[in-house]
Amino acid sequence: MKWKLSLFSLSLVFMLSACGDEDADVEEAEGTNEDEEATEDEVEEENGEEEAEESESESVSLNFATPDPESASITVAANEFAEQVEEESNGSIEVTVHGDGSLYGEDPSAAINQLGDGSLDMLALSSTVYANSESRFNMFSVPYLFDDQDQYLDLLNDELALQLLDDIDVLDIEGLTYWPRNFRQITNSVNPINEPSDLEGLDIRVPNNPLWVEFFEEAGASPTPMDFGEVYNALQLGTIDGQENPVEIPVNSSFYEVQDYISMTNHMADAWVVGINQDTFNDLSNEQQEVIENQSEEMQGWLRDYDNEEVDGMIATLEEEGMEVNEVSSEDQEQFVEISQSQYPEFREVVEDDDYFDEVLEFVGKD
């Protein structure tokens, strides 16, 4: 009888132990469920915070200033950029383009100051203007430096040029990229320009930059530095005989009304520096910064294609308006090239960096 009681007691112990294990399993499962629910709550909270951050970065409005009118390729490109940025940012960035220098009183130097102090958000401006602050930008405009547009773009996308964009951060400007411009041509009302002797004695308006002054003096002209806003009246009054710019400028500025000849000399280059105020850029989300950077780089190829498609039409417009257009032969152009190369010592002084000058010459195969 005793052994039966002992057996019964032992069975009871096993049953109670099993029940205890089951209770522990249930409690453990409930604890796991509670942990999972807590984890899900944390994920939802983090997602909510991320969504809140995204919503905070929405409705960013930027102004984008350009120096030329709505019909000019730089302003057309800026408007295309604005559309692409809005699309790629899912509407979180709105860019409004203001052409004709309207936001900075048509004063390029003031434009750079305003971009640095934040009264302008974005700006496209010629590299020649930035050369007043960083003299190495002058290197892009050494006469007849480039064999063709491909070589020109290769330099703009090389570290030799990109480092200059990094260096304008001292102006509180984030340099984004370069957009290309067509090479420059000469217009005047005296005679076609085929060789340097045709420039003899002509008063040619040039930017206020020693590269232009040195080159045109050596070529036989009388270079006259002048603000661009004064050029049309000076041409009309005969104060100057001509000017030089990419071919679209005589079209957009109606120089065909006061000029008779345009000569396709392709003598110099410059580039559009596309910049954004540093604080404005830093206030954007990482995703928005990426959109701005990517689309500004994409627009380089877009603008090149646009200019190439438009240039023949612009020349045709000038001819329709009564201007005589002449191409310069490679033999005659070589005379201009020789004048430029003879001035390399003077151009070095303008660039103010012998090593940089030599590196760029080596890059373009003219060392």
Protein backbone atom coordinates (compact mmCIF):
# COMPACT_ATOMS: atom_id res chain seq x y z
CA MET A 1 0.00 0.00 0.00
CA LYS A 2 2.81 2.36 0.81
CA TRP A 3 4.40 1.85 -2.55
CA LYS A 4 1.10 2.73 -4.24
CA LEU A 5 0.94 6.03 -2.32
CA SER A 6 4.52 6.78 -3.24
CA LEU A 7 3.79 6.13 -6.88
CA PHE A 8 0.73 8.38 -6.68
CA SER A 9 2.79 11.16 -5.08
CA LEU A 10 5.48 10.88 -7.71
CA SER A 11 2.91 11.15 -10.49
CA LEU A 12 1.44 14.22 -8.86
CA VAL A 13 4.87 15.87 -8.76
CA PHE A 14 5.38 15.25 -12.46
CA MET A 15 1.97 16.70 -13.29
CA LEU A 16 2.57 19.85 -11.26
CA SER A 17 6.03 20.26 -12.81
CA ALA A 18 4.57 19.96 -16.31
CA CYS A 19 1.95 22.56 -15.53
CA GLY A 20 4.62 24.86 -14.22
CA ASP A 21 6.61 24.50 -17.44
CA GLU A 22 3.53 25.27 -19.51
CA ASP A 23 2.82 28.37 -17.41
CA ALA A 24 6.41 29.50 -17.88
CA ASP A 25 6.14 28.93 -21.61
CA VAL A 26 2.98 31.00 -21.75
CA GLU A 27 4.55 33.78 -19.73
CA GLU A 28 7.65 33.69 -21.95
CA ALA A 29 5.50 33.80 -25.09
CA GLU A 30 3.51 36.69 -23.68
CA GLY A 31 6.74 38.44 -22.83
CA THR A 32 8.01 37.88 -26.36
CA ASN A 33 4.79 39.27 -27.80
CA GLU A 34 5.09 42.30 -25.58
CA ASP A 35 8.70 42.79 -26.75
CA GLU A 36 7.62 42.47 -30.38
CA GLU A 37 4.83 44.97 -29.83
CA ALA A 38 7.30 47.36 -28.19
CA THR A 39 9.71 46.95 -31.11
CA GLU A 40 6.90 47.62 -33.58
CA ASP A 41 5.94 50.72 -31.61
CA GLU A 42 9.54 51.94 -31.74
CA VAL A 43 9.74 51.35 -35.51
CA GLU A 44 6.46 53.20 -36.03
CA GLU A 45 7.76 56.03 -33.86
CA GLU A 46 11.00 56.21 -35.85
CA ASN A 47 9.07 56.15 -39.12
CA GLY A 48 6.87 58.89 -37.82
CA GLU A 49 9.92 60.96 -36.92
CA GLU A 50 11.39 60.39 -40.39
CA GLU A 51 8.11 61.37 -42.01
CA ALA A 52 8.02 64.46 -39.81
CA GLU A 53 11.55 65.35 -40.89
CA GLU A 54 10.58 64.86 -44.54
CA SER A 55 7.52 67.03 -44.12
CA GLU A 56 9.68 69.70 -42.47
CA SER A 57 11.97 69.76 -45.54
CA GLU A 58 9.08 70.23 -47.95
CA SER A 59 8.05 73.54 -49.48
CA VAL A 60 11.62 74.75 -50.01
CA SER A 61 11.57 77.73 -52.37
CA LEU A 62 14.77 78.92 -54.05
CA ASN A 63 15.44 81.86 -56.34
CA PHE A 64 17.86 81.35 -59.22
CA ALA A 65 19.38 84.44 -60.89
CA THR A 66 20.84 84.60 -64.40
CA PRO A 67 22.36 87.58 -66.24
CA ASP A 68 20.57 87.17 -69.58
CA PRO A 69 16.97 87.47 -70.82
CA GLU A 70 14.37 84.70 -70.90
CA SER A 71 15.23 83.73 -74.48
CA ALA A 72 18.96 83.31 -73.74
CA SER A 73 20.22 79.77 -73.43
CA ILE A 74 21.47 80.19 -69.86
CA THR A 75 18.02 81.28 -68.69
CA VAL A 76 16.33 78.58 -70.75
CA ALA A 77 18.66 76.06 -69.07
CA ALA A 78 17.92 77.47 -65.61
CA ASN A 79 14.18 77.04 -66.21
CA GLU A 80 14.72 73.47 -67.43
CA PHE A 81 16.78 72.84 -64.30
CA ALA A 82 13.93 74.19 -62.16
CA GLU A 83 11.46 71.80 -63.77
CA GLN A 84 13.73 68.80 -63.34
CA VAL A 85 14.49 69.64 -59.71
CA GLU A 86 10.80 69.95 -58.85
CA GLU A 87 10.06 66.62 -60.53
CA GLU A 88 12.99 64.72 -59.00
CA SER A 89 12.32 66.11 -55.52
CA ASN A 90 8.64 65.13 -55.73
CA GLY A 91 7.69 68.76 -55.42
CA SER A 92 9.73 69.42 -52.28
CA ILE A 93 11.94 72.02 -54.03
CA GLU A 94 10.54 74.92 -56.01
CA VAL A 95 13.04 76.96 -58.02
CA THR A 96 12.01 80.32 -59.47
CA VAL A 97 14.27 81.73 -62.19
CA HIS A 98 14.90 85.47 -62.56
CA GLY A 99 16.73 86.52 -65.73
CA ASP A 100 18.32 89.73 -67.00
CA GLY A 101 20.23 90.30 -63.76
CA SER A 102 16.98 91.65 -62.28
CA LEU A 103 17.73 90.42 -58.76
CA TYR A 104 21.13 92.12 -58.54
CA GLY A 105 20.75 95.30 -60.54
CA GLU A 106 22.70 93.87 -63.50
CA ASP A 107 25.90 94.23 -61.46
CA PRO A 108 27.83 90.90 -61.67
CA SER A 109 30.14 91.72 -58.76
CA ALA A 110 27.13 92.54 -56.60
CA ALA A 111 25.60 89.22 -57.64
CA ILE A 112 28.50 87.26 -56.14
CA ASN A 113 28.26 89.26 -52.92
CA GLN A 114 24.51 88.66 -52.71
CA LEU A 115 24.95 84.95 -53.31
CA GLY A 116 27.47 84.82 -50.49
CA ASP A 117 25.29 86.73 -48.03
CA GLY A 118 22.19 84.69 -48.87
CA SER A 119 20.00 87.30 -50.53
CA LEU A 120 20.40 85.15 -53.66
CA ASP A 121 19.90 81.40 -53.33
CA MET A 122 21.36 80.30 -56.66
CA LEU A 123 23.27 82.04 -59.43
CA ALA A 124 24.72 81.26 -62.86
CA LEU A 125 27.49 83.71 -63.73
CA SER A 126 30.51 83.78 -66.03
CA SER A 127 33.79 82.40 -64.75
CA THR A 128 35.40 85.68 -65.82
CA VAL A 129 33.55 87.48 -63.02
CA TYR A 130 34.74 84.96 -60.43
CA ALA A 131 38.27 85.59 -61.70
CA ASN A 132 38.19 88.85 -59.74
CA SER A 133 38.23 86.71 -56.57
CA GLU A 134 40.06 83.60 -57.82
CA SER A 135 42.53 84.49 -60.56
CA ARG A 136 42.92 80.89 -61.77
CA PHE A 137 39.46 81.14 -63.36
CA ASN A 138 41.22 83.29 -65.97
CA MET A 139 42.87 80.14 -67.32
CA PHE A 140 39.63 79.09 -69.04
CA SER A 141 39.75 82.25 -71.15
CA VAL A 142 43.33 82.14 -72.43
CA PRO A 143 42.83 82.82 -76.17
CA TYR A 144 42.81 79.74 -78.39
CA LEU A 145 43.50 77.46 -75.45
CA PHE A 146 41.10 74.76 -76.68
CA ASP A 147 41.13 72.80 -79.92
CA ASP A 148 37.37 72.24 -79.78
CA GLN A 149 34.32 72.04 -77.52
CA ASP A 150 35.10 68.47 -76.45
CA GLN A 151 38.48 69.46 -75.06
CA TYR A 152 36.89 72.46 -73.37
CA LEU A 153 34.32 70.26 -71.61
CA ASP A 154 36.98 67.72 -70.67
CA LEU A 155 38.84 70.43 -68.77
CA LEU A 156 35.67 71.72 -67.06
CA ASN A 157 35.03 68.21 -65.74
CA ASP A 158 38.61 67.55 -64.69
CA GLU A 159 39.90 68.05 -61.17
CA LEU A 160 41.94 71.01 -62.46
CA ALA A 161 38.70 72.95 -62.92
CA LEU A 162 36.59 71.32 -60.21
CA GLN A 163 39.06 72.36 -57.50
CA LEU A 164 38.23 75.99 -58.28
CA LEU A 165 34.57 75.31 -57.47
CA ASP A 166 35.68 73.98 -54.08
CA ASP A 167 37.79 77.07 -53.47
CA ILE A 168 34.92 79.57 -53.77
CA ASP A 169 33.61 78.29 -50.44
CA VAL A 170 35.60 81.17 -48.92
CA LEU A 171 32.89 83.37 -50.46
CA ASP A 172 30.21 81.32 -48.64
CA ILE A 173 29.26 79.81 -51.99
CA GLU A 174 28.85 76.12 -52.77
CA GLY A 175 30.16 75.64 -56.30
CA LEU A 176 27.94 73.00 -57.93
CA THR A 177 29.22 72.63 -61.49
CA TYR A 178 30.05 74.37 -64.75
CA TRP A 179 27.59 74.88 -67.58
CA PRO A 180 29.19 75.44 -71.02
CA ARG A 181 29.06 78.49 -73.25
CA ASN A 182 29.69 78.83 -76.96
CA PHE A 183 33.09 80.21 -77.96
CA ARG A 184 33.26 83.94 -78.56
CA GLN A 185 32.99 85.78 -81.91
CA ILE A 186 33.67 89.37 -83.03
CA THR A 187 31.07 91.80 -84.39
CA ASN A 188 31.79 95.25 -85.82
CA SER A 189 30.57 97.82 -88.34
CA VAL A 190 33.79 98.43 -90.30
CA ASN A 191 34.90 95.22 -92.02
CA PRO A 192 34.93 91.42 -91.71
CA ILE A 193 37.68 90.01 -89.48
CA ASN A 194 39.67 87.25 -91.14
CA GLU A 195 43.17 87.90 -89.81
CA PRO A 196 44.78 90.12 -87.16
CA SER A 197 45.43 92.97 -89.61
CA ASP A 198 41.66 93.39 -90.01
CA LEU A 199 41.47 94.49 -86.38
CA GLU A 200 43.95 97.31 -86.87
CA GLY A 201 42.63 100.47 -85.23
CA LEU A 202 39.17 99.08 -84.35
CA ASP A 203 37.69 100.09 -81.00
CA ILE A 204 36.44 96.78 -79.60
CA ARG A 205 34.50 96.57 -76.36
CA VAL A 206 35.92 93.89 -74.05
CA PRO A 207 35.18 92.82 -70.47
CA ASN A 208 37.18 94.52 -67.77
CA ASN A 209 39.73 91.71 -67.70
CA PRO A 210 43.44 91.96 -68.56
CA LEU A 211 43.39 88.78 -70.69
CA TRP A 212 41.12 90.49 -73.21
CA VAL A 213 43.00 93.77 -73.10
CA GLU A 214 46.40 92.12 -73.60
CA PHE A 215 45.24 89.91 -76.45
CA PHE A 216 43.31 92.47 -78.47
CA GLU A 217 46.05 95.09 -78.10
CA GLU A 218 48.61 92.63 -79.42
CA ALA A 219 46.27 91.72 -82.29
CA GLY A 220 46.13 95.39 -83.35
CA ALA A 221 42.76 96.52 -81.97
CA SER A 222 42.03 99.22 -79.40
CA PRO A 223 40.29 97.28 -76.61
CA THR A 224 37.81 99.29 -74.55
CA PRO A 225 36.68 97.76 -71.22
CA MET A 226 33.01 98.63 -70.69
CA ASP A 227 30.03 97.39 -68.66
CA PHE A 228 27.83 95.27 -70.85
CA GLY A 229 24.78 97.40 -70.15
CA GLU A 230 26.43 100.31 -71.97
CA VAL A 231 27.43 98.39 -75.11
CA TYR A 232 24.33 98.83 -77.29
CA ASN A 233 24.28 102.62 -76.92
CA ALA A 234 28.04 102.82 -77.49
CA LEU A 235 27.69 100.82 -80.71
CA GLN A 236 24.75 102.92 -81.81
CA LEU A 237 26.59 106.19 -81.18
CA GLY A 238 29.82 104.94 -82.76
CA THR A 239 31.77 105.32 -79.53
CA ILE A 240 33.07 101.82 -80.21
CA ASP A 241 33.27 99.91 -83.48
CA GLY A 242 32.49 96.44 -82.24
CA GLN A 243 32.34 93.91 -79.45
CA GLU A 244 32.96 90.20 -78.87
CA ASN A 245 30.71 87.58 -77.29
CA PRO A 246 29.14 84.18 -77.95
CA VAL A 247 26.91 84.32 -81.01
CA GLU A 248 23.65 84.37 -79.06
CA ILE A 249 24.47 87.75 -77.50
CA PRO A 250 24.15 89.78 -80.75
CA VAL A 251 20.80 88.03 -81.28
CA ASN A 252 19.34 88.48 -77.79
CA SER A 253 20.67 92.04 -77.45
CA SER A 254 19.65 93.10 -80.98
CA PHE A 255 23.19 94.11 -81.92
CA TYR A 256 22.24 93.36 -85.52
CA GLU A 257 20.52 96.76 -85.44
CA VAL A 258 23.85 98.52 -84.93
CA GLN A 259 26.44 96.07 -86.34
CA ASP A 260 27.18 94.95 -89.89
CA TYR A 261 29.60 92.02 -89.56
CA ILE A 262 30.07 88.97 -87.39
CA SER A 263 33.30 86.99 -87.77
CA MET A 264 33.47 83.43 -86.41
CA THR A 265 36.85 83.76 -84.76
CA ASN A 266 36.21 81.34 -81.84
CA HIS A 267 38.95 83.24 -80.07
CA MET A 268 38.14 82.75 -76.38
CA ALA A 269 36.01 80.74 -73.96
CA ASP A 270 34.47 81.07 -70.55
CA ALA A 271 31.98 78.99 -68.56
CA TRP A 272 28.90 79.45 -66.43
CA VAL A 273 29.69 78.85 -62.76
CA VAL A 274 26.55 77.48 -61.10
CA GLY A 275 26.57 78.19 -57.37
CA ILE A 276 24.27 78.08 -54.37
CA ASN A 277 24.53 79.88 -51.05
CA GLN A 278 26.27 77.58 -48.56
CA ASP A 279 23.78 78.04 -45.72
CA THR A 280 20.89 77.50 -48.09
CA PHE A 281 22.50 74.30 -49.36
CA ASN A 282 23.31 73.02 -45.87
CA ASP A 283 19.72 73.59 -44.73
CA LEU A 284 18.44 71.18 -47.39
CA SER A 285 17.91 67.53 -46.53
CA ASN A 286 20.45 65.02 -47.82
CA GLU A 287 17.96 63.89 -50.45
CA GLN A 288 17.34 67.47 -51.60
CA GLN A 289 21.06 68.21 -51.78
CA GLU A 290 21.51 65.14 -53.95
CA VAL A 291 18.74 66.29 -56.30
CA ILE A 292 20.30 69.75 -56.66
CA GLU A 293 23.77 68.32 -57.31
CA ASN A 294 22.63 65.64 -59.75
CA GLN A 295 20.38 67.90 -61.79
CA SER A 296 22.95 70.69 -62.01
CA GLU A 297 25.43 68.15 -63.42
CA GLU A 298 22.83 66.71 -65.81
CA MET A 299 22.16 70.17 -67.22
CA GLN A 300 25.72 70.50 -68.49
CA GLY A 301 25.08 68.04 -71.31
CA TRP A 302 21.57 69.38 -71.86
CA LEU A 303 22.82 72.93 -72.36
CA ARG A 304 25.61 71.86 -74.68
CA ASP A 305 23.11 70.02 -76.90
CA TYR A 306 20.71 72.95 -76.78
CA ASP A 307 23.39 75.47 -77.81
CA ASN A 308 24.61 73.22 -80.62
CA GLU A 309 21.08 72.93 -81.95
CA GLU A 310 20.42 76.66 -81.70
CA VAL A 311 23.63 78.15 -83.06
CA ASP A 312 22.84 77.66 -86.76
CA GLY A 313 19.46 79.27 -86.24
CA MET A 314 21.03 82.23 -84.48
CA ILE A 315 23.50 82.77 -87.31
CA ALA A 316 20.62 82.57 -89.78
CA THR A 317 18.75 85.20 -87.75
CA LEU A 318 21.72 87.57 -87.90
CA GLU A 319 21.94 87.09 -91.65
CA GLU A 320 18.22 87.70 -92.05
CA GLU A 321 18.64 90.91 -90.08
CA GLY A 322 21.30 92.09 -92.52
CA MET A 323 24.59 91.10 -90.90
CA GLU A 324 27.35 89.57 -92.99
CA VAL A 325 28.76 86.36 -91.50
CA ASN A 326 32.25 85.10 -92.30
CA GLU A 327 34.13 81.99 -91.21
CA VAL A 328 37.83 82.32 -90.42
CA SER A 329 40.03 79.79 -92.23
CA SER A 330 42.35 77.55 -90.23
CA GLU A 331 45.35 79.23 -91.86
CA ASP A 332 44.19 82.71 -90.85
CA GLN A 333 43.22 81.51 -87.40
CA GLU A 334 46.75 80.25 -86.89
CA GLN A 335 47.92 83.87 -86.97
CA PHE A 336 45.70 84.61 -83.97
CA VAL A 337 46.96 81.46 -82.23
CA GLU A 338 50.56 82.60 -82.63
CA ILE A 339 49.72 85.97 -81.11
CA SER A 340 48.11 84.27 -78.13
CA GLN A 341 51.01 81.90 -77.53
CA SER A 342 53.49 84.77 -77.72
CA GLN A 343 51.65 86.32 -74.78
CA TYR A 344 51.81 83.34 -72.44
CA PRO A 345 54.26 85.15 -70.14
CA GLU A 346 51.72 87.98 -69.69
CA PHE A 347 48.85 85.51 -69.27
CA ARG A 348 50.81 83.70 -66.54
CA GLU A 349 50.85 86.90 -64.54
CA VAL A 350 47.10 87.25 -64.90
CA VAL A 351 46.47 83.65 -63.75
CA GLU A 352 48.90 84.21 -60.85
CA ASP A 353 49.82 80.53 -60.50
CA ASP A 354 52.63 79.19 -62.69
CA ASP A 355 52.09 75.57 -61.68
CA TYR A 356 48.40 75.74 -62.48
CA PHE A 357 49.11 77.45 -65.81
CA ASP A 358 51.55 74.68 -66.76
CA GLU A 359 49.19 71.89 -65.65
CA VAL A 360 46.36 73.22 -67.79
CA LEU A 361 48.66 73.71 -70.80
CA GLU A 362 49.78 70.11 -70.41
CA PHE A 363 46.16 68.96 -70.18
CA VAL A 364 45.26 70.60 -73.51
CA GLY A 365 48.51 69.56 -75.18
CA LYS A 366 50.02 73.03 -75.53
CA ASP A 367 52.89 72.79 -73.06
